[in-house]
Amino acid sequence: MNPEIRSGKPCVSGTRITVLDVLSYLAAGMSMEEIISDFRALDKEKIIATLSFTAYRDKITTIAFAS
C-alpha cells in the first residue's frame, strides 16, 4: 500500500492493479486465465497472493472486532 498509488488502496506488488480489482474480476466470473490475458502484469501466483492477502486481512479484522 502506498498513499501515492491508487489512493493507498492495496495493490498487487509492482502494479497499479488493486486487490479489489482482482476480486471484482473473479466475482464477475472471469477465470484466472482471462484476467492474466487482460492484465499481463498478473500471473497465477499474484492472483493467489491477492486471495491470500484478502483472507489474512479479513482474519485480522475479525479478530480486532471480536476483542
C-alpha atoms as a PDB file:
ATOM      1  CA  MET A   1       0.000   0.000   0.000  1.00  0.00           C
ATOM      2  CA  ASN A   2       1.316   3.378  -1.000  1.00  0.00           C
ATOM      3  CA  PRO A   3      -0.687   6.587  -0.470  1.00  0.00           C
ATOM      4  CA  GLU A   4       0.706   7.879  -3.778  1.00  0.00           C
ATOM      5  CA  ILE A   5      -0.665   4.927  -5.792  1.00  0.00           C
ATOM      6  CA  ARG A   6      -4.417   4.346  -6.205  1.00  0.00           C
ATOM      7  CA  SER A   7      -5.164   6.453  -3.110  1.00  0.00           C
ATOM      8  CA  GLY A   8      -3.353   3.996  -0.844  1.00  0.00           C
ATOM      9  CA  LYS A   9      -5.546   1.013  -1.697  1.00  0.00           C
ATOM     10  CA  PRO A  10      -3.738  -2.351  -1.509  1.00  0.00           C
ATOM     11  CA  CYS A  11      -2.249  -3.152  -4.919  1.00  0.00           C
ATOM     12  CA  VAL A  12      -0.650  -6.231  -6.401  1.00  0.00           C
ATOM     13  CA  SER A  13       3.093  -5.845  -5.955  1.00  0.00           C
ATOM     14  CA  GLY A  14       4.744  -3.996  -8.834  1.00  0.00           C
ATOM     15  CA  THR A  15       1.434  -2.948 -10.405  1.00  0.00           C
ATOM     16  CA  ARG A  16      -1.312  -0.363 -10.079  1.00  0.00           C
ATOM     17  CA  ILE A  17      -3.930  -3.130 -10.035  1.00  0.00           C
ATOM     18  CA  THR A  18      -5.787  -3.142  -6.725  1.00  0.00           C
ATOM     19  CA  VAL A  19      -6.732  -6.191  -4.709  1.00  0.00           C
ATOM     20  CA  LEU A  20     -10.350  -5.080  -5.088  1.00  0.00           C
ATOM     21  CA  ASP A  21      -9.950  -5.012  -8.889  1.00  0.00           C
ATOM     22  CA  VAL A  22      -8.795  -8.637  -8.918  1.00  0.00           C
ATOM     23  CA  LEU A  23     -11.538  -9.744  -6.524  1.00  0.00           C
ATOM     24  CA  SER A  24     -14.140  -7.927  -8.615  1.00  0.00           C
ATOM     25  CA  TYR A  25     -12.976  -9.660 -11.801  1.00  0.00           C
ATOM     26  CA  LEU A  26     -13.146 -13.056 -10.098  1.00  0.00           C
ATOM     27  CA  ALA A  27     -16.568 -12.287  -8.609  1.00  0.00           C
ATOM     28  CA  ALA A  28     -17.812 -11.285 -12.057  1.00  0.00           C
ATOM     29  CA  GLY A  29     -16.918 -14.760 -13.287  1.00  0.00           C
ATOM     30  CA  MET A  30     -13.586 -14.144 -15.002  1.00  0.00           C
ATOM     31  CA  SER A  31     -11.181 -17.058 -14.822  1.00  0.00           C
ATOM     32  CA  MET A  32      -7.576 -16.595 -13.753  1.00  0.00           C
ATOM     33  CA  GLU A  33      -6.544 -17.203 -17.348  1.00  0.00           C
ATOM     34  CA  GLU A  34      -8.852 -14.421 -18.599  1.00  0.00           C
ATOM     35  CA  ILE A  35      -7.532 -11.979 -16.005  1.00  0.00           C
ATOM     36  CA  ILE A  36      -3.934 -12.844 -16.882  1.00  0.00           C
ATOM     37  CA  SER A  37      -4.731 -12.402 -20.569  1.00  0.00           C
ATOM     38  CA  ASP A  38      -6.204  -8.942 -19.932  1.00  0.00           C
ATOM     39  CA  PHE A  39      -3.552  -7.848 -17.422  1.00  0.00           C
ATOM     40  CA  ARG A  40      -0.098  -9.068 -18.443  1.00  0.00           C
ATOM     41  CA  ALA A  41       1.403  -7.803 -15.154  1.00  0.00           C
ATOM     42  CA  LEU A  42      -0.530 -10.529 -13.331  1.00  0.00           C
ATOM     43  CA  ASP A  43       0.160 -14.237 -13.153  1.00  0.00           C
ATOM     44  CA  LYS A  44      -1.438 -17.124 -11.277  1.00  0.00           C
ATOM     45  CA  GLU A  45       0.830 -16.656  -8.256  1.00  0.00           C
ATOM     46  CA  LYS A  46      -0.077 -12.969  -7.930  1.00  0.00           C
ATOM     47  CA  ILE A  47      -3.792 -13.719  -8.133  1.00  0.00           C
ATOM     48  CA  ILE A  48      -3.440 -16.403  -5.458  1.00  0.00           C
ATOM     49  CA  ALA A  49      -1.413 -13.965  -3.336  1.00  0.00           C
ATOM     50  CA  THR A  50      -4.269 -11.468  -3.704  1.00  0.00           C
ATOM     51  CA  LEU A  51      -6.709 -14.054  -2.354  1.00  0.00           C
ATOM     52  CA  SER A  52      -4.337 -14.919   0.490  1.00  0.00           C
ATOM     53  CA  PHE A  53      -3.930 -11.232   1.365  1.00  0.00           C
ATOM     54  CA  THR A  54      -7.698 -10.808   1.469  1.00  0.00           C
ATOM     55  CA  ALA A  55      -8.184 -13.861   3.685  1.00  0.00           C
ATOM     56  CA  TYR A  56      -5.407 -12.695   6.030  1.00  0.00           C
ATOM     57  CA  ARG A  57      -6.748  -9.153   6.193  1.00  0.00           C
ATOM     58  CA  ASP A  58     -10.271 -10.435   6.901  1.00  0.00           C
ATOM     59  CA  LYS A  59      -8.909 -12.627   9.700  1.00  0.00           C
ATOM     60  CA  ILE A  60      -7.153  -9.660  11.319  1.00  0.00           C
ATOM     61  CA  THR A  61     -10.271  -7.502  11.006  1.00  0.00           C
ATOM     62  CA  THR A  62     -12.425 -10.246  12.520  1.00  0.00           C
ATOM     63  CA  ILE A  63     -10.067 -10.702  15.435  1.00  0.00           C
ATOM     64  CA  ALA A  64      -9.862  -6.971  16.069  1.00  0.00           C
ATOM     65  CA  PHE A  65     -13.643  -6.647  16.228  1.00  0.00           C
ATOM     66  CA  ALA A  66     -14.065  -9.802  18.300  1.00  0.00           C
ATOM     67  CA  SER A  67     -11.948  -8.462  21.175  1.00  0.00           C
END
